Amino acid sequence: MSLPHWLTFRVFGGARNGGRASMTAKPPWAAFARDVQVTLGPPHEPELDPPFEVVVPARLDCPLVFSSPHSGNVYPRRFLEATRLDQAALRCSEDAFVDRLFGGATALGAPLIRARFPRAYLDLNREPYELDPRMFEGPLPPFANTRSLRVAGGLGTIARVVGQAQEIYARRVPVEEAIARIEKLYKPYHACLRGLIDRARQKFGIAVLVDCHSMPSGSLRQGQVSPSKGGAQSKTLAFVVGDRYGTSCAPDLIDVVEYELRRRGHDVQRNKPYAGGFITEHYGNPAGECHAIQIEVSRALYMDERTVTEGERFAEVAADLAHMAAALAEAAMARRDRHRAAAE
């Protein structure tokens, strides 16, 4: 099957019937089905069918693509049985509600892809085989990256720790399980994300990936000044926008993101402490008009971090992000038009 049934279901809005979706596609989505193809076998866990979702607009009207790789909150039963921690402890690594926070993207005519499995289970913002050999029963593939700083910190493709360095697993994980998660979850997600980006690039002549994340508020402070220098009070950062220090996105595009968020009263910092991870680095290619921006939103801005519930300002922050996205889409199309005019 060229397009897996779960993607057809999510895109076309078909109803499930015996594990399959209706194949009655509306005409606008025939091209989507042809252009964005993902190979997916049986679900890795019954709870993860589908393992991720693609939320698509009524029409594809702008070159933006949104990715929410860490907002998943479906914890497979077998995973919970293998952990030392309860689900509440595991949830501290979630980018809770971020997919909904950026959900206004579809009103602009942009797709949003979101994982359903949690970051503690599999981290899509890592290299595919960034693995800690101390975690696994059996030898890792020779091409695995076992020496990155993220692996050393316990935060590889399959995390060893969560929160304040709490060990996740009660015992070593069979290496076959690690490889299966990568093959059945990680690779299909990235194949679909690449398809969405390539489709935007082909249709509009430019693609802009917005990688959507959240950050704990407690350790992120801006404007800290020692008493000897005036004793200014520290302010909690609302947003950190990352472009891998200018390598993943054209300056005029990320400038728009920062300007629009500041214009709405938010404190914004660029690349510190988050410059963007694997997704931003891997997909960002400004020379080829494929731009990637990571946006981190302070959790305190839109949710109650203690209870993991939406906060009073959720709708306000979502509206601010929708306005920012509209400005970014306009800037991307203007950039495309300028380049076309210069080439004529």
C-alpha atoms as a PDB file:
ATOM      1  CA  MET A   1       0.000   0.000   0.000  1.00  0.00           C
ATOM      2  CA  SER A   2       1.648   3.238  -1.112  1.00  0.00           C
ATOM      3  CA  LEU A   3      -0.087   5.337   1.552  1.00  0.00           C
ATOM      4  CA  PRO A   4      -0.745   3.685   4.942  1.00  0.00           C
ATOM      5  CA  HIS A   5      -4.346   3.523   6.119  1.00  0.00           C
ATOM      6  CA  TRP A   6      -3.710   5.634   9.226  1.00  0.00           C
ATOM      7  CA  LEU A   7      -2.419   8.539   7.136  1.00  0.00           C
ATOM      8  CA  THR A   8      -5.343   8.233   4.749  1.00  0.00           C
ATOM      9  CA  PHE A   9      -7.691   8.332   7.727  1.00  0.00           C
ATOM     10  CA  ARG A  10      -6.156  11.426   9.213  1.00  0.00           C
ATOM     11  CA  VAL A  11      -5.864  13.275   5.912  1.00  0.00           C
ATOM     12  CA  PHE A  12      -9.140  12.362   4.306  1.00  0.00           C
ATOM     13  CA  GLY A  13     -11.242  12.145   7.445  1.00  0.00           C
ATOM     14  CA  GLY A  14     -12.417   8.620   6.651  1.00  0.00           C
ATOM     15  CA  ALA A  15     -14.045   6.429   9.294  1.00  0.00           C
ATOM     16  CA  ARG A  16     -12.246   3.385  10.618  1.00  0.00           C
ATOM     17  CA  ASN A  17     -13.683   0.042   9.617  1.00  0.00           C
ATOM     18  CA  GLY A  18     -11.962  -3.058  10.876  1.00  0.00           C
ATOM     19  CA  GLY A  19      -8.690  -1.207  11.370  1.00  0.00           C
ATOM     20  CA  ARG A  20      -8.786   0.498   7.974  1.00  0.00           C
ATOM     21  CA  ALA A  21     -10.010   3.876   6.860  1.00  0.00           C
ATOM     22  CA  SER A  22     -12.365   4.837   4.131  1.00  0.00           C
ATOM     23  CA  MET A  23     -10.438   5.338   0.897  1.00  0.00           C
ATOM     24  CA  THR A  24     -12.903   7.912  -0.448  1.00  0.00           C
ATOM     25  CA  ALA A  25     -10.527  10.798  -1.030  1.00  0.00           C
ATOM     26  CA  LYS A  26     -11.752  14.256  -1.843  1.00  0.00           C
ATOM     27  CA  PRO A  27     -10.122  15.607  -5.022  1.00  0.00           C
ATOM     28  CA  PRO A  28      -7.775  18.154  -3.336  1.00  0.00           C
ATOM     29  CA  TRP A  29      -6.077  15.359  -1.439  1.00  0.00           C
ATOM     30  CA  ALA A  30      -5.336  13.105  -4.366  1.00  0.00           C
ATOM     31  CA  ALA A  31      -2.140  15.069  -4.983  1.00  0.00           C
ATOM     32  CA  PHE A  32      -1.255  14.875  -1.300  1.00  0.00           C
ATOM     33  CA  ALA A  33      -1.638  11.088  -1.387  1.00  0.00           C
ATOM     34  CA  ARG A  34       0.629  10.846  -4.409  1.00  0.00           C
ATOM     35  CA  ASP A  35       3.269  13.292  -3.207  1.00  0.00           C
ATOM     36  CA  VAL A  36       3.615  12.359   0.484  1.00  0.00           C
ATOM     37  CA  GLN A  37       4.097   8.616   0.737  1.00  0.00           C
ATOM     38  CA  VAL A  38       5.142   6.684   3.814  1.00  0.00           C
ATOM     39  CA  THR A  39       5.704   2.969   4.168  1.00  0.00           C
ATOM     40  CA  LEU A  40       4.403   1.608   7.450  1.00  0.00           C
ATOM     41  CA  GLY A  41       3.876  -1.972   8.514  1.00  0.00           C
ATOM     42  CA  PRO A  42       1.823  -3.300  11.430  1.00  0.00           C
ATOM     43  CA  PRO A  43       1.777  -1.019  14.499  1.00  0.00           C
ATOM     44  CA  HIS A  44       4.692  -1.425  16.880  1.00  0.00           C
ATOM     45  CA  GLU A  45       2.284  -1.265  19.827  1.00  0.00           C
ATOM     46  CA  PRO A  46      -1.518  -1.468  19.651  1.00  0.00           C
ATOM     47  CA  GLU A  47      -1.794   1.901  21.388  1.00  0.00           C
ATOM     48  CA  LEU A  48       0.324   3.514  18.673  1.00  0.00           C
ATOM     49  CA  ASP A  49      -1.963   2.971  15.715  1.00  0.00           C
ATOM     50  CA  PRO A  50      -1.452   5.528  14.267  1.00  0.00           C
ATOM     51  CA  PRO A  51       1.960   6.481  15.677  1.00  0.00           C
ATOM     52  CA  PHE A  52       1.599  10.057  14.460  1.00  0.00           C
ATOM     53  CA  GLU A  53      -0.944  12.268  12.754  1.00  0.00           C
ATOM     54  CA  VAL A  54      -0.865  14.766   9.915  1.00  0.00           C
ATOM     55  CA  VAL A  55      -3.335  17.594  10.391  1.00  0.00           C
ATOM     56  CA  VAL A  56      -3.961  19.147   7.002  1.00  0.00           C
ATOM     57  CA  PRO A  57      -5.887  22.254   5.950  1.00  0.00           C
ATOM     58  CA  ALA A  58      -8.746  22.460   3.507  1.00  0.00           C
ATOM     59  CA  ARG A  59      -6.256  23.890   0.992  1.00  0.00           C
ATOM     60  CA  LEU A  60      -2.480  24.054   0.956  1.00  0.00           C
ATOM     61  CA  ASP A  61      -2.049  27.793   0.638  1.00  0.00           C
ATOM     62  CA  CYS A  62       1.335  28.604   2.164  1.00  0.00           C
ATOM     63  CA  PRO A  63       4.879  27.179   2.276  1.00  0.00           C
ATOM     64  CA  LEU A  64       5.004  26.573   6.034  1.00  0.00           C
ATOM     65  CA  VAL A  65       5.206  23.090   7.571  1.00  0.00           C
ATOM     66  CA  PHE A  66       4.750  22.617  11.330  1.00  0.00           C
ATOM     67  CA  SER A  67       6.214  19.715  13.302  1.00  0.00           C
ATOM     68  CA  SER A  68       5.420  18.826  16.914  1.00  0.00           C
ATOM     69  CA  PRO A  69       7.692  15.861  17.710  1.00  0.00           C
ATOM     70  CA  HIS A  70       7.469  15.959  21.525  1.00  0.00           C
ATOM     71  CA  SER A  71       3.779  16.566  22.300  1.00  0.00           C
ATOM     72  CA  GLY A  72       2.765  12.901  22.234  1.00  0.00           C
ATOM     73  CA  ASN A  73       1.131  11.520  25.360  1.00  0.00           C
ATOM     74  CA  VAL A  74       0.212   7.935  24.461  1.00  0.00           C
ATOM     75  CA  TYR A  75       2.250   5.636  26.730  1.00  0.00           C
ATOM     76  CA  PRO A  76       2.208   1.981  25.604  1.00  0.00           C
ATOM     77  CA  ARG A  77       1.374  -0.498  28.339  1.00  0.00           C
ATOM     78  CA  ARG A  78       4.536  -2.548  27.761  1.00  0.00           C
ATOM     79  CA  PHE A  79       6.643   0.582  28.112  1.00  0.00           C
ATOM     80  CA  LEU A  80       5.026   1.545  31.412  1.00  0.00           C
ATOM     81  CA  GLU A  81       5.589  -1.978  32.726  1.00  0.00           C
ATOM     82  CA  ALA A  82       9.306  -1.708  31.868  1.00  0.00           C
ATOM     83  CA  THR A  83       9.897   1.628  33.618  1.00  0.00           C
ATOM     84  CA  ARG A  84      10.884   2.455  37.178  1.00  0.00           C
ATOM     85  CA  LEU A  85       8.730   5.585  37.109  1.00  0.00           C
ATOM     86  CA  ASP A  86       5.060   6.388  37.092  1.00  0.00           C
ATOM     87  CA  GLN A  87       3.420   8.167  34.199  1.00  0.00           C
ATOM     88  CA  ALA A  88       3.371  11.494  36.042  1.00  0.00           C
ATOM     89  CA  ALA A  89       7.167  11.467  36.337  1.00  0.00           C
ATOM     90  CA  LEU A  90       7.555  10.505  32.673  1.00  0.00           C
ATOM     91  CA  ARG A  91       5.307  13.355  31.538  1.00  0.00           C
ATOM     92  CA  CYS A  92       7.746  16.055  32.626  1.00  0.00           C
ATOM     93  CA  SER A  93       9.583  15.602  29.323  1.00  0.00           C
ATOM     94  CA  GLU A  94       6.437  16.144  27.230  1.00  0.00           C
ATOM     95  CA  ASP A  95       5.881  19.305  25.256  1.00  0.00           C
ATOM     96  CA  ALA A  96       2.315  19.103  26.490  1.00  0.00           C
ATOM     97  CA  PHE A  97      -0.387  20.707  24.302  1.00  0.00           C
ATOM     98  CA  VAL A  98       2.164  22.201  21.879  1.00  0.00           C
ATOM     99  CA  ASP A  99       0.424  20.604  18.902  1.00  0.00           C
ATOM    100  CA  ARG A 100      -2.795  22.365  19.885  1.00  0.00           C
ATOM    101  CA  LEU A 101      -0.963  25.595  20.673  1.00  0.00           C
ATOM    102  CA  PHE A 102       0.288  25.790  17.079  1.00  0.00           C
ATOM    103  CA  GLY A 103      -2.949  24.376  15.667  1.00  0.00           C
ATOM    104  CA  GLY A 104      -3.871  27.655  13.999  1.00  0.00           C
ATOM    105  CA  ALA A 105      -1.379  26.775  11.276  1.00  0.00           C
ATOM    106  CA  THR A 106      -4.008  24.836   9.373  1.00  0.00           C
ATOM    107  CA  ALA A 107      -6.154  27.982   9.018  1.00  0.00           C
ATOM    108  CA  LEU A 108      -3.265  29.484   7.038  1.00  0.00           C
ATOM    109  CA  GLY A 109      -3.157  26.516   4.703  1.00  0.00           C
ATOM    110  CA  ALA A 110      -0.182  24.741   6.325  1.00  0.00           C
ATOM    111  CA  PRO A 111       0.060  21.102   7.486  1.00  0.00           C
ATOM    112  CA  LEU A 112       1.073  20.068  11.013  1.00  0.00           C
ATOM    113  CA  ILE A 113       2.612  16.691  11.818  1.00  0.00           C
ATOM    114  CA  ARG A 114       2.516  15.523  15.430  1.00  0.00           C
ATOM    115  CA  ALA A 115       3.796  12.428  17.197  1.00  0.00           C
ATOM    116  CA  ARG A 116       1.415  10.443  19.414  1.00  0.00           C
ATOM    117  CA  PHE A 117       4.142   8.569  21.311  1.00  0.00           C
ATOM    118  CA  PRO A 118       5.997  10.481  24.056  1.00  0.00           C
ATOM    119  CA  ARG A 119       9.532  11.792  23.981  1.00  0.00           C
ATOM    120  CA  ALA A 120      10.468   9.472  26.865  1.00  0.00           C
ATOM    121  CA  TYR A 121       9.662   6.543  24.566  1.00  0.00           C
ATOM    122  CA  LEU A 122      11.434   7.789  21.436  1.00  0.00           C
ATOM    123  CA  ASP A 123      12.961  11.185  20.685  1.00  0.00           C
ATOM    124  CA  LEU A 124      12.434  12.328  17.103  1.00  0.00           C
ATOM    125  CA  ASN A 125      14.739  15.323  17.574  1.00  0.00           C
ATOM    126  CA  ARG A 126      17.864  13.163  17.673  1.00  0.00           C
ATOM    127  CA  GLU A 127      19.892  11.320  15.090  1.00  0.00           C
ATOM    128  CA  PRO A 128      18.200   8.005  14.259  1.00  0.00           C
ATOM    129  CA  TYR A 129      20.786   5.872  16.070  1.00  0.00           C
ATOM    130  CA  GLU A 130      22.033   8.114  18.861  1.00  0.00           C
ATOM    131  CA  LEU A 131      22.102   5.363  21.494  1.00  0.00           C
ATOM    132  CA  ASP A 132      23.707   4.649  24.869  1.00  0.00           C
ATOM    133  CA  PRO A 133      25.202   1.120  24.887  1.00  0.00           C
ATOM    134  CA  ARG A 134      24.793   0.932  28.678  1.00  0.00           C
ATOM    135  CA  MET A 135      21.025   0.854  28.219  1.00  0.00           C
ATOM    136  CA  PHE A 136      20.676  -2.128  25.950  1.00  0.00           C
ATOM    137  CA  GLU A 137      20.873  -5.901  26.090  1.00  0.00           C
ATOM    138  CA  GLY A 138      22.875  -6.947  23.054  1.00  0.00           C
ATOM    139  CA  PRO A 139      25.319  -5.169  20.733  1.00  0.00           C
ATOM    140  CA  LEU A 140      24.282  -1.978  18.988  1.00  0.00           C
ATOM    141  CA  PRO A 141      24.775  -1.604  15.217  1.00  0.00           C
ATOM    142  CA  PRO A 142      28.332  -0.477  14.375  1.00  0.00           C
ATOM    143  CA  PHE A 143      27.001   2.766  12.864  1.00  0.00           C
ATOM    144  CA  ALA A 144      25.280   3.866  16.087  1.00  0.00           C
ATOM    145  CA  ASN A 145      26.460   7.176  17.532  1.00  0.00           C
ATOM    146  CA  THR A 146      27.314   6.198  21.110  1.00  0.00           C
ATOM    147  CA  ARG A 147      29.512   9.168  22.037  1.00  0.00           C
ATOM    148  CA  SER A 148      27.482  12.302  21.544  1.00  0.00           C
ATOM    149  CA  LEU A 149      26.996  14.757  24.391  1.00  0.00           C
ATOM    150  CA  ARG A 150      23.281  13.962  24.351  1.00  0.00           C
ATOM    151  CA  VAL A 151      23.975  10.265  24.815  1.00  0.00           C
ATOM    152  CA  ALA A 152      26.365  11.082  27.656  1.00  0.00           C
ATOM    153  CA  GLY A 153      23.589  13.054  29.315  1.00  0.00           C
ATOM    154  CA  GLY A 154      21.139  10.173  28.992  1.00  0.00           C
ATOM    155  CA  LEU A 155      19.082  11.898  26.289  1.00  0.00           C
ATOM    156  CA  GLY A 156      19.705   9.929  23.133  1.00  0.00           C
ATOM    157  CA  THR A 157      17.173   8.717  20.578  1.00  0.00           C
ATOM    158  CA  ILE A 158      15.869   6.433  23.305  1.00  0.00           C
ATOM    159  CA  ALA A 159      16.316   8.336  26.539  1.00  0.00           C
ATOM    160  CA  ARG A 160      17.909   6.790  29.605  1.00  0.00           C
ATOM    161  CA  VAL A 161      16.746   9.495  32.022  1.00  0.00           C
ATOM    162  CA  VAL A 162      13.915  11.966  32.421  1.00  0.00           C
ATOM    163  CA  GLY A 163      13.442  15.060  34.565  1.00  0.00           C
ATOM    164  CA  GLN A 164      16.169  15.519  37.146  1.00  0.00           C
ATOM    165  CA  ALA A 165      18.265  12.595  35.871  1.00  0.00           C
ATOM    166  CA  GLN A 166      15.716   9.980  36.930  1.00  0.00           C
ATOM    167  CA  GLU A 167      16.495   6.608  35.371  1.00  0.00           C
ATOM    168  CA  ILE A 168      13.587   5.466  33.207  1.00  0.00           C
ATOM    169  CA  TYR A 169      14.116   1.725  32.886  1.00  0.00           C
ATOM    170  CA  ALA A 170      14.197  -0.940  35.579  1.00  0.00           C
ATOM    171  CA  ARG A 171      16.481  -3.142  33.471  1.00  0.00           C
ATOM    172  CA  ARG A 172      18.319  -3.125  30.164  1.00  0.00           C
ATOM    173  CA  VAL A 173      16.206  -2.812  27.028  1.00  0.00           C
ATOM    174  CA  PRO A 174      16.594  -5.511  24.358  1.00  0.00           C
ATOM    175  CA  VAL A 175      18.455  -3.989  21.442  1.00  0.00           C
ATOM    176  CA  GLU A 176      15.821  -5.431  19.105  1.00  0.00           C
ATOM    177  CA  GLU A 177      13.221  -3.241  20.817  1.00  0.00           C
ATOM    178  CA  ALA A 178      15.329  -0.136  20.250  1.00  0.00           C
ATOM    179  CA  ILE A 179      15.797  -0.919  16.559  1.00  0.00           C
ATOM    180  CA  ALA A 180      12.086  -1.668  16.155  1.00  0.00           C
ATOM    181  CA  ARG A 181      11.101   1.739  17.573  1.00  0.00           C
ATOM    182  CA  ILE A 182      13.479   3.462  15.194  1.00  0.00           C
ATOM    183  CA  GLU A 183      12.352   1.486  12.153  1.00  0.00           C
ATOM    184  CA  LYS A 184       8.596   1.580  12.837  1.00  0.00           C
ATOM    185  CA  LEU A 185       8.176   5.013  14.447  1.00  0.00           C
ATOM    186  CA  TYR A 186      11.173   7.285  13.896  1.00  0.00           C
ATOM    187  CA  LYS A 187      11.810   6.606  10.218  1.00  0.00           C
ATOM    188  CA  PRO A 188       8.162   6.856   9.060  1.00  0.00           C
ATOM    189  CA  TYR A 189       7.728  10.157  10.924  1.00  0.00           C
ATOM    190  CA  HIS A 190      10.790  11.657   9.284  1.00  0.00           C
ATOM    191  CA  ALA A 191       9.853  10.241   5.880  1.00  0.00           C
ATOM    192  CA  CYS A 192       6.486  11.947   6.140  1.00  0.00           C
ATOM    193  CA  LEU A 193       8.021  15.191   7.403  1.00  0.00           C
ATOM    194  CA  ARG A 194      10.473  15.186   4.501  1.00  0.00           C
ATOM    195  CA  GLY A 195       7.590  14.591   2.109  1.00  0.00           C
ATOM    196  CA  LEU A 196       5.663  17.554   3.494  1.00  0.00           C
ATOM    197  CA  ILE A 197       8.703  19.830   3.199  1.00  0.00           C
ATOM    198  CA  ASP A 198       9.530  18.661  -0.322  1.00  0.00           C
ATOM    199  CA  ARG A 199       5.925  19.155  -1.393  1.00  0.00           C
ATOM    200  CA  ALA A 200       5.906  22.728  -0.061  1.00  0.00           C
ATOM    201  CA  ARG A 201       9.195  23.447  -1.819  1.00  0.00           C
ATOM    202  CA  GLN A 202       7.922  22.086  -5.105  1.00  0.00           C
ATOM    203  CA  LYS A 203       4.587  23.899  -4.907  1.00  0.00           C
ATOM    204  CA  PHE A 204       5.761  27.297  -3.678  1.00  0.00           C
ATOM    205  CA  GLY A 205       9.456  27.448  -4.529  1.00  0.00           C
ATOM    206  CA  ILE A 206      10.286  27.755  -0.835  1.00  0.00           C
ATOM    207  CA  ALA A 207       9.594  25.758   2.323  1.00  0.00           C
ATOM    208  CA  VAL A 208       9.781  26.871   5.948  1.00  0.00           C
ATOM    209  CA  LEU A 209       9.717  24.237   8.681  1.00  0.00           C
ATOM    210  CA  VAL A 210       8.604  25.429  12.108  1.00  0.00           C
ATOM    211  CA  ASP A 211       9.700  22.909  14.734  1.00  0.00           C
ATOM    212  CA  CYS A 212       7.426  23.392  17.749  1.00  0.00           C
ATOM    213  CA  HIS A 213       8.573  22.805  21.327  1.00  0.00           C
ATOM    214  CA  SER A 214       8.073  23.920  24.921  1.00  0.00           C
ATOM    215  CA  MET A 215      10.572  24.575  27.699  1.00  0.00           C
ATOM    216  CA  PRO A 216      10.347  24.381  31.495  1.00  0.00           C
ATOM    217  CA  SER A 217      10.072  27.877  32.918  1.00  0.00           C
ATOM    218  CA  GLY A 218      12.064  27.481  36.132  1.00  0.00           C
ATOM    219  CA  SER A 219      15.591  27.496  34.757  1.00  0.00           C
ATOM    220  CA  LEU A 220      15.130  30.012  31.950  1.00  0.00           C
ATOM    221  CA  ARG A 221      15.770  33.540  33.090  1.00  0.00           C
ATOM    222  CA  GLN A 222      16.489  36.680  31.118  1.00  0.00           C
ATOM    223  CA  GLY A 223      17.920  39.989  32.260  1.00  0.00           C
ATOM    224  CA  GLN A 224      19.702  38.698  35.347  1.00  0.00           C
ATOM    225  CA  VAL A 225      21.994  41.393  36.712  1.00  0.00           C
ATOM    226  CA  SER A 226      24.106  41.186  39.835  1.00  0.00           C
ATOM    227  CA  PRO A 227      23.335  43.654  42.681  1.00  0.00           C
ATOM    228  CA  SER A 228      26.618  45.457  41.991  1.00  0.00           C
ATOM    229  CA  LYS A 229      25.334  46.315  38.519  1.00  0.00           C
ATOM    230  CA  GLY A 230      22.018  47.750  39.543  1.00  0.00           C
ATOM    231  CA  GLY A 231      20.098  44.739  40.814  1.00  0.00           C
ATOM    232  CA  ALA A 232      17.672  44.469  37.902  1.00  0.00           C
ATOM    233  CA  GLN A 233      14.975  41.864  38.378  1.00  0.00           C
ATOM    234  CA  SER A 234      15.101  38.757  36.215  1.00  0.00           C
ATOM    235  CA  LYS A 235      12.318  38.141  33.706  1.00  0.00           C
ATOM    236  CA  THR A 236      11.080  34.759  32.629  1.00  0.00           C
ATOM    237  CA  LEU A 237      11.649  34.125  28.928  1.00  0.00           C
ATOM    238  CA  ALA A 238       8.500  33.512  26.954  1.00  0.00           C
ATOM    239  CA  PHE A 239      10.117  32.261  23.727  1.00  0.00           C
ATOM    240  CA  VAL A 240      13.454  31.059  22.420  1.00  0.00           C
ATOM    241  CA  VAL A 241      13.768  30.954  18.637  1.00  0.00           C
ATOM    242  CA  GLY A 242      16.583  28.917  17.138  1.00  0.00           C
ATOM    243  CA  ASP A 243      18.215  28.846  13.718  1.00  0.00           C
ATOM    244  CA  ARG A 244      21.406  26.951  14.562  1.00  0.00           C
ATOM    245  CA  TYR A 245      23.253  30.275  14.825  1.00  0.00           C
ATOM    246  CA  GLY A 246      22.194  31.449  11.397  1.00  0.00           C
ATOM    247  CA  THR A 247      22.786  28.209   9.491  1.00  0.00           C
ATOM    248  CA  SER A 248      19.276  26.726   9.210  1.00  0.00           C
ATOM    249  CA  CYS A 249      17.206  29.749   8.170  1.00  0.00           C
ATOM    250  CA  ALA A 250      17.576  33.012   6.261  1.00  0.00           C
ATOM    251  CA  PRO A 251      17.916  36.003   8.625  1.00  0.00           C
ATOM    252  CA  ASP A 252      14.931  37.880   7.166  1.00  0.00           C
ATOM    253  CA  LEU A 253      12.593  34.996   8.056  1.00  0.00           C
ATOM    254  CA  ILE A 254      13.649  34.394  11.635  1.00  0.00           C
ATOM    255  CA  ASP A 255      13.729  38.174  12.157  1.00  0.00           C
ATOM    256  CA  VAL A 256      10.009  38.192  11.365  1.00  0.00           C
ATOM    257  CA  VAL A 257       9.328  35.513  13.977  1.00  0.00           C
ATOM    258  CA  GLU A 258      11.235  37.377  16.661  1.00  0.00           C
ATOM    259  CA  TYR A 259       9.714  40.760  15.733  1.00  0.00           C
ATOM    260  CA  GLU A 260       6.122  39.497  15.712  1.00  0.00           C
ATOM    261  CA  LEU A 261       6.447  37.803  19.100  1.00  0.00           C
ATOM    262  CA  ARG A 262       8.089  40.853  20.643  1.00  0.00           C
ATOM    263  CA  ARG A 263       5.410  43.086  19.113  1.00  0.00           C
ATOM    264  CA  ARG A 264       2.855  41.118  21.083  1.00  0.00           C
ATOM    265  CA  GLY A 265       4.648  41.813  24.346  1.00  0.00           C
ATOM    266  CA  HIS A 266       6.687  38.637  24.751  1.00  0.00           C
ATOM    267  CA  ASP A 267      10.297  38.337  25.886  1.00  0.00           C
ATOM    268  CA  VAL A 268      12.217  36.537  23.159  1.00  0.00           C
ATOM    269  CA  GLN A 269      15.773  35.282  22.925  1.00  0.00           C
ATOM    270  CA  ARG A 270      17.568  33.772  19.950  1.00  0.00           C
ATOM    271  CA  ASN A 271      19.594  30.533  20.064  1.00  0.00           C
ATOM    272  CA  LYS A 272      20.204  30.656  23.835  1.00  0.00           C
ATOM    273  CA  PRO A 273      19.815  28.285  25.480  1.00  0.00           C
ATOM    274  CA  TYR A 274      18.194  26.404  22.564  1.00  0.00           C
ATOM    275  CA  ALA A 275      19.614  26.843  19.065  1.00  0.00           C
ATOM    276  CA  GLY A 276      17.693  23.947  17.535  1.00  0.00           C
ATOM    277  CA  GLY A 277      18.244  20.201  17.557  1.00  0.00           C
ATOM    278  CA  PHE A 278      18.572  17.502  14.942  1.00  0.00           C
ATOM    279  CA  ILE A 279      15.380  18.457  13.091  1.00  0.00           C
ATOM    280  CA  THR A 280      16.364  22.095  12.638  1.00  0.00           C
ATOM    281  CA  GLU A 281      19.901  21.197  11.625  1.00  0.00           C
ATOM    282  CA  HIS A 282      18.942  18.311   9.354  1.00  0.00           C
ATOM    283  CA  TYR A 283      16.171  19.999   7.369  1.00  0.00           C
ATOM    284  CA  GLY A 284      17.434  23.573   7.290  1.00  0.00           C
ATOM    285  CA  ASN A 285      19.091  24.406   3.956  1.00  0.00           C
ATOM    286  CA  PRO A 286      18.690  28.126   3.255  1.00  0.00           C
ATOM    287  CA  ALA A 287      20.734  27.916   0.039  1.00  0.00           C
ATOM    288  CA  GLY A 288      18.114  25.505  -1.306  1.00  0.00           C
ATOM    289  CA  GLU A 289      15.228  27.630   0.031  1.00  0.00           C
ATOM    290  CA  CYS A 290      14.405  25.062   2.710  1.00  0.00           C
ATOM    291  CA  HIS A 291      14.420  26.973   5.986  1.00  0.00           C
ATOM    292  CA  ALA A 292      14.016  25.555   9.493  1.00  0.00           C
ATOM    293  CA  ILE A 293      13.223  27.420  12.714  1.00  0.00           C
ATOM    294  CA  GLN A 294      12.823  25.970  16.184  1.00  0.00           C
ATOM    295  CA  ILE A 295      10.410  27.737  18.535  1.00  0.00           C
ATOM    296  CA  GLU A 296      10.455  26.996  22.261  1.00  0.00           C
ATOM    297  CA  VAL A 297       7.512  28.297  24.303  1.00  0.00           C
ATOM    298  CA  SER A 298       7.772  28.666  28.069  1.00  0.00           C
ATOM    299  CA  ARG A 299       5.337  26.232  29.634  1.00  0.00           C
ATOM    300  CA  ALA A 300       4.408  28.741  32.326  1.00  0.00           C
ATOM    301  CA  LEU A 301       3.049  30.999  29.590  1.00  0.00           C
ATOM    302  CA  TYR A 302       0.267  28.663  28.476  1.00  0.00           C
ATOM    303  CA  MET A 303      -0.125  25.829  31.018  1.00  0.00           C
ATOM    304  CA  ASP A 304       0.032  24.819  34.664  1.00  0.00           C
ATOM    305  CA  GLU A 305       3.300  22.919  34.850  1.00  0.00           C
ATOM    306  CA  ARG A 306       2.396  21.204  38.119  1.00  0.00           C
ATOM    307  CA  THR A 307      -0.944  19.751  37.026  1.00  0.00           C
ATOM    308  CA  VAL A 308      -0.138  19.542  33.278  1.00  0.00           C
ATOM    309  CA  THR A 309      -3.314  21.364  32.318  1.00  0.00           C
ATOM    310  CA  GLU A 310      -3.960  24.254  29.961  1.00  0.00           C
ATOM    311  CA  GLY A 311      -3.601  27.671  31.552  1.00  0.00           C
ATOM    312  CA  GLU A 312      -5.752  30.782  31.421  1.00  0.00           C
ATOM    313  CA  ARG A 313      -3.622  32.336  28.669  1.00  0.00           C
ATOM    314  CA  PHE A 314      -3.690  29.325  26.337  1.00  0.00           C
ATOM    315  CA  ALA A 315      -6.047  30.873  23.778  1.00  0.00           C
ATOM    316  CA  GLU A 316      -4.173  34.189  23.879  1.00  0.00           C
ATOM    317  CA  VAL A 317      -0.795  32.551  23.254  1.00  0.00           C
ATOM    318  CA  ALA A 318      -2.262  30.373  20.492  1.00  0.00           C
ATOM    319  CA  ALA A 319      -3.638  33.503  18.818  1.00  0.00           C
ATOM    320  CA  ASP A 320      -0.242  35.228  19.080  1.00  0.00           C
ATOM    321  CA  LEU A 321       1.403  32.226  17.431  1.00  0.00           C
ATOM    322  CA  ALA A 322      -1.194  32.229  14.658  1.00  0.00           C
ATOM    323  CA  HIS A 323      -0.473  35.915  13.947  1.00  0.00           C
ATOM    324  CA  MET A 324       3.255  35.183  13.944  1.00  0.00           C
ATOM    325  CA  ALA A 325       2.757  32.283  11.533  1.00  0.00           C
ATOM    326  CA  ALA A 326       0.714  34.448   9.167  1.00  0.00           C
ATOM    327  CA  ALA A 327       3.487  37.062   9.110  1.00  0.00           C
ATOM    328  CA  LEU A 328       6.092  34.351   8.521  1.00  0.00           C
ATOM    329  CA  ALA A 329       4.099  32.890   5.631  1.00  0.00           C
ATOM    330  CA  GLU A 330       3.799  36.344   4.048  1.00  0.00           C
ATOM    331  CA  ALA A 331       7.534  36.948   4.476  1.00  0.00           C
ATOM    332  CA  ALA A 332       8.358  33.573   2.904  1.00  0.00           C
ATOM    333  CA  MET A 333       6.250  34.299  -0.169  1.00  0.00           C
ATOM    334  CA  ALA A 334       7.730  37.798  -0.470  1.00  0.00           C
ATOM    335  CA  ARG A 335      11.209  36.290  -0.320  1.00  0.00           C
ATOM    336  CA  ARG A 336      10.264  33.826  -3.058  1.00  0.00           C
ATOM    337  CA  ASP A 337       8.921  36.652  -5.227  1.00  0.00           C
ATOM    338  CA  ARG A 338      12.034  38.768  -4.745  1.00  0.00           C
ATOM    339  CA  HIS A 339      14.274  35.916  -5.800  1.00  0.00           C
ATOM    340  CA  ARG A 340      12.157  35.185  -8.854  1.00  0.00           C
ATOM    341  CA  ALA A 341      12.217  38.842  -9.884  1.00  0.00           C
ATOM    342  CA  ALA A 342      15.985  38.977  -9.468  1.00  0.00           C
ATOM    343  CA  ALA A 343      16.402  35.908 -11.669  1.00  0.00           C
ATOM    344  CA  GLU A 344      14.383  37.382 -14.542  1.00  0.00           C
END
